Amino acid sequence: MTKENQKPTHHDVMPSMANFLSDLWFEGEFREQPDYLNEIFKRILETELGDDKDLRSKMMECIKTSEMLAEALEPFSDKQIQKACLKTLTA
């Protein structure tokens, strides 16, 4: 059976998360993302487009998710995160 035909299992979750964090690692300062989103969304909210309640709700959810990620990774150094991702990917 080829990989495309296989259904993902719960065992696929952690390697996928490790890939995500590893990719995020190379994208820049992920710890700063909540601040970046706040700045972007604050400027949008000052426009007519920002009056859309659905859009406001989605923006708040993005900020919340980004803050949760930053908080979850905050106790760890960049090197520890990278090491954990590599270990998970090779397991």
C-alpha atoms as a PDB file:
ATOM      1  CA  MET A   1       0.000   0.000   0.000  1.00  0.00           C
ATOM      2  CA  THR A   2       1.415   3.403  -0.924  1.00  0.00           C
ATOM      3  CA  LYS A   3       1.676   6.194   1.591  1.00  0.00           C
ATOM      4  CA  GLU A   4      -1.058   8.182  -0.189  1.00  0.00           C
ATOM      5  CA  ASN A   5      -3.555   5.368   0.358  1.00  0.00           C
ATOM      6  CA  GLN A   6      -2.810   4.924   4.061  1.00  0.00           C
ATOM      7  CA  LYS A   7      -4.969   6.647   6.628  1.00  0.00           C
ATOM      8  CA  PRO A   8      -3.116   8.665   9.269  1.00  0.00           C
ATOM      9  CA  THR A   9      -3.066   7.216  12.771  1.00  0.00           C
ATOM     10  CA  HIS A  10      -2.534   8.758  16.186  1.00  0.00           C
ATOM     11  CA  HIS A  11       1.128   7.706  15.837  1.00  0.00           C
ATOM     12  CA  ASP A  12       1.475  10.206  12.975  1.00  0.00           C
ATOM     13  CA  VAL A  13       0.523  13.202  15.133  1.00  0.00           C
ATOM     14  CA  MET A  14       3.795  13.749  17.003  1.00  0.00           C
ATOM     15  CA  PRO A  15       6.050  13.484  13.940  1.00  0.00           C
ATOM     16  CA  SER A  16       3.738  15.929  12.147  1.00  0.00           C
ATOM     17  CA  MET A  17       3.935  18.338  15.082  1.00  0.00           C
ATOM     18  CA  ALA A  18       7.717  17.933  15.176  1.00  0.00           C
ATOM     19  CA  ASN A  19       7.844  18.748  11.452  1.00  0.00           C
ATOM     20  CA  PHE A  20       5.679  21.798  12.051  1.00  0.00           C
ATOM     21  CA  LEU A  21       7.879  23.060  14.898  1.00  0.00           C
ATOM     22  CA  SER A  22      11.012  22.296  12.919  1.00  0.00           C
ATOM     23  CA  ASP A  23       9.692  24.261   9.933  1.00  0.00           C
ATOM     24  CA  LEU A  24       8.606  27.058  12.252  1.00  0.00           C
ATOM     25  CA  TRP A  25      12.130  27.119  13.655  1.00  0.00           C
ATOM     26  CA  PHE A  26      13.469  28.240  10.272  1.00  0.00           C
ATOM     27  CA  GLU A  27      10.794  30.889   9.718  1.00  0.00           C
ATOM     28  CA  GLY A  28      12.190  33.384  12.206  1.00  0.00           C
ATOM     29  CA  GLU A  29      11.224  34.586  15.622  1.00  0.00           C
ATOM     30  CA  PHE A  30       8.180  32.451  16.378  1.00  0.00           C
ATOM     31  CA  ARG A  31       8.188  33.721  19.961  1.00  0.00           C
ATOM     32  CA  GLU A  32       7.370  37.180  18.587  1.00  0.00           C
ATOM     33  CA  GLN A  33       4.389  36.013  16.508  1.00  0.00           C
ATOM     34  CA  PRO A  34       1.695  37.057  19.030  1.00  0.00           C
ATOM     35  CA  ASP A  35       3.103  40.593  19.060  1.00  0.00           C
ATOM     36  CA  TYR A  36       3.280  40.675  15.274  1.00  0.00           C
ATOM     37  CA  LEU A  37      -0.325  39.491  14.985  1.00  0.00           C
ATOM     38  CA  ASN A  38      -1.481  42.049  17.540  1.00  0.00           C
ATOM     39  CA  GLU A  39       0.172  44.845  15.572  1.00  0.00           C
ATOM     40  CA  ILE A  40      -1.249  43.677  12.242  1.00  0.00           C
ATOM     41  CA  PHE A  41      -4.751  43.124  13.594  1.00  0.00           C
ATOM     42  CA  LYS A  42      -4.778  46.399  15.492  1.00  0.00           C
ATOM     43  CA  ARG A  43      -4.146  48.244  12.240  1.00  0.00           C
ATOM     44  CA  ILE A  44      -6.842  46.240  10.438  1.00  0.00           C
ATOM     45  CA  LEU A  45      -9.327  46.962  13.225  1.00  0.00           C
ATOM     46  CA  GLU A  46      -8.765  50.694  12.686  1.00  0.00           C
ATOM     47  CA  THR A  47     -10.133  50.341   9.150  1.00  0.00           C
ATOM     48  CA  GLU A  48     -13.654  49.757   7.858  1.00  0.00           C
ATOM     49  CA  LEU A  49     -12.704  46.134   7.175  1.00  0.00           C
ATOM     50  CA  GLY A  50     -12.152  45.718  10.929  1.00  0.00           C
ATOM     51  CA  ASP A  51     -15.867  46.250  11.586  1.00  0.00           C
ATOM     52  CA  ASP A  52     -16.615  42.694  10.419  1.00  0.00           C
ATOM     53  CA  LYS A  53     -17.452  40.653  13.548  1.00  0.00           C
ATOM     54  CA  ASP A  54     -16.546  37.327  11.934  1.00  0.00           C
ATOM     55  CA  LEU A  55     -13.167  38.722  10.938  1.00  0.00           C
ATOM     56  CA  ARG A  56     -12.602  40.080  14.463  1.00  0.00           C
ATOM     57  CA  SER A  57     -13.428  36.659  15.906  1.00  0.00           C
ATOM     58  CA  LYS A  58     -10.986  34.917  13.563  1.00  0.00           C
ATOM     59  CA  MET A  59      -8.249  37.427  14.380  1.00  0.00           C
ATOM     60  CA  MET A  60      -8.731  36.903  18.117  1.00  0.00           C
ATOM     61  CA  GLU A  61      -8.549  33.131  17.644  1.00  0.00           C
ATOM     62  CA  CYS A  62      -5.289  33.486  15.685  1.00  0.00           C
ATOM     63  CA  ILE A  63      -3.810  35.626  18.442  1.00  0.00           C
ATOM     64  CA  LYS A  64      -4.934  33.140  21.102  1.00  0.00           C
ATOM     65  CA  THR A  65      -3.438  30.163  19.247  1.00  0.00           C
ATOM     66  CA  SER A  66      -0.188  32.006  18.626  1.00  0.00           C
ATOM     67  CA  GLU A  67       0.039  33.021  22.285  1.00  0.00           C
ATOM     68  CA  MET A  68      -0.594  29.440  23.393  1.00  0.00           C
ATOM     69  CA  LEU A  69       2.218  28.178  21.161  1.00  0.00           C
ATOM     70  CA  ALA A  70       4.618  30.840  22.409  1.00  0.00           C
ATOM     71  CA  GLU A  71       3.684  30.080  26.046  1.00  0.00           C
ATOM     72  CA  ALA A  72       4.103  26.321  25.545  1.00  0.00           C
ATOM     73  CA  LEU A  73       7.582  26.789  24.086  1.00  0.00           C
ATOM     74  CA  GLU A  74       8.663  29.674  26.337  1.00  0.00           C
ATOM     75  CA  PRO A  75      10.407  27.549  29.021  1.00  0.00           C
ATOM     76  CA  PHE A  76      12.632  25.890  26.426  1.00  0.00           C
ATOM     77  CA  SER A  77      15.666  27.218  24.619  1.00  0.00           C
ATOM     78  CA  ASP A  78      15.771  27.197  20.839  1.00  0.00           C
ATOM     79  CA  LYS A  79      18.398  24.456  21.013  1.00  0.00           C
ATOM     80  CA  GLN A  80      16.182  22.274  23.239  1.00  0.00           C
ATOM     81  CA  ILE A  81      13.259  22.670  20.846  1.00  0.00           C
ATOM     82  CA  GLN A  82      15.402  21.799  17.856  1.00  0.00           C
ATOM     83  CA  LYS A  83      16.843  18.736  19.613  1.00  0.00           C
ATOM     84  CA  ALA A  84      13.371  17.502  20.624  1.00  0.00           C
ATOM     85  CA  CYS A  85      12.068  17.920  17.067  1.00  0.00           C
ATOM     86  CA  LEU A  86      14.987  15.990  15.595  1.00  0.00           C
ATOM     87  CA  LYS A  87      14.597  13.228  18.187  1.00  0.00           C
ATOM     88  CA  THR A  88      10.874  12.895  17.453  1.00  0.00           C
ATOM     89  CA  LEU A  89      11.435  12.863  13.700  1.00  0.00           C
ATOM     90  CA  THR A  90      14.061  10.133  13.915  1.00  0.00           C
ATOM     91  CA  ALA A  91      12.075   7.965  16.363  1.00  0.00           C
END
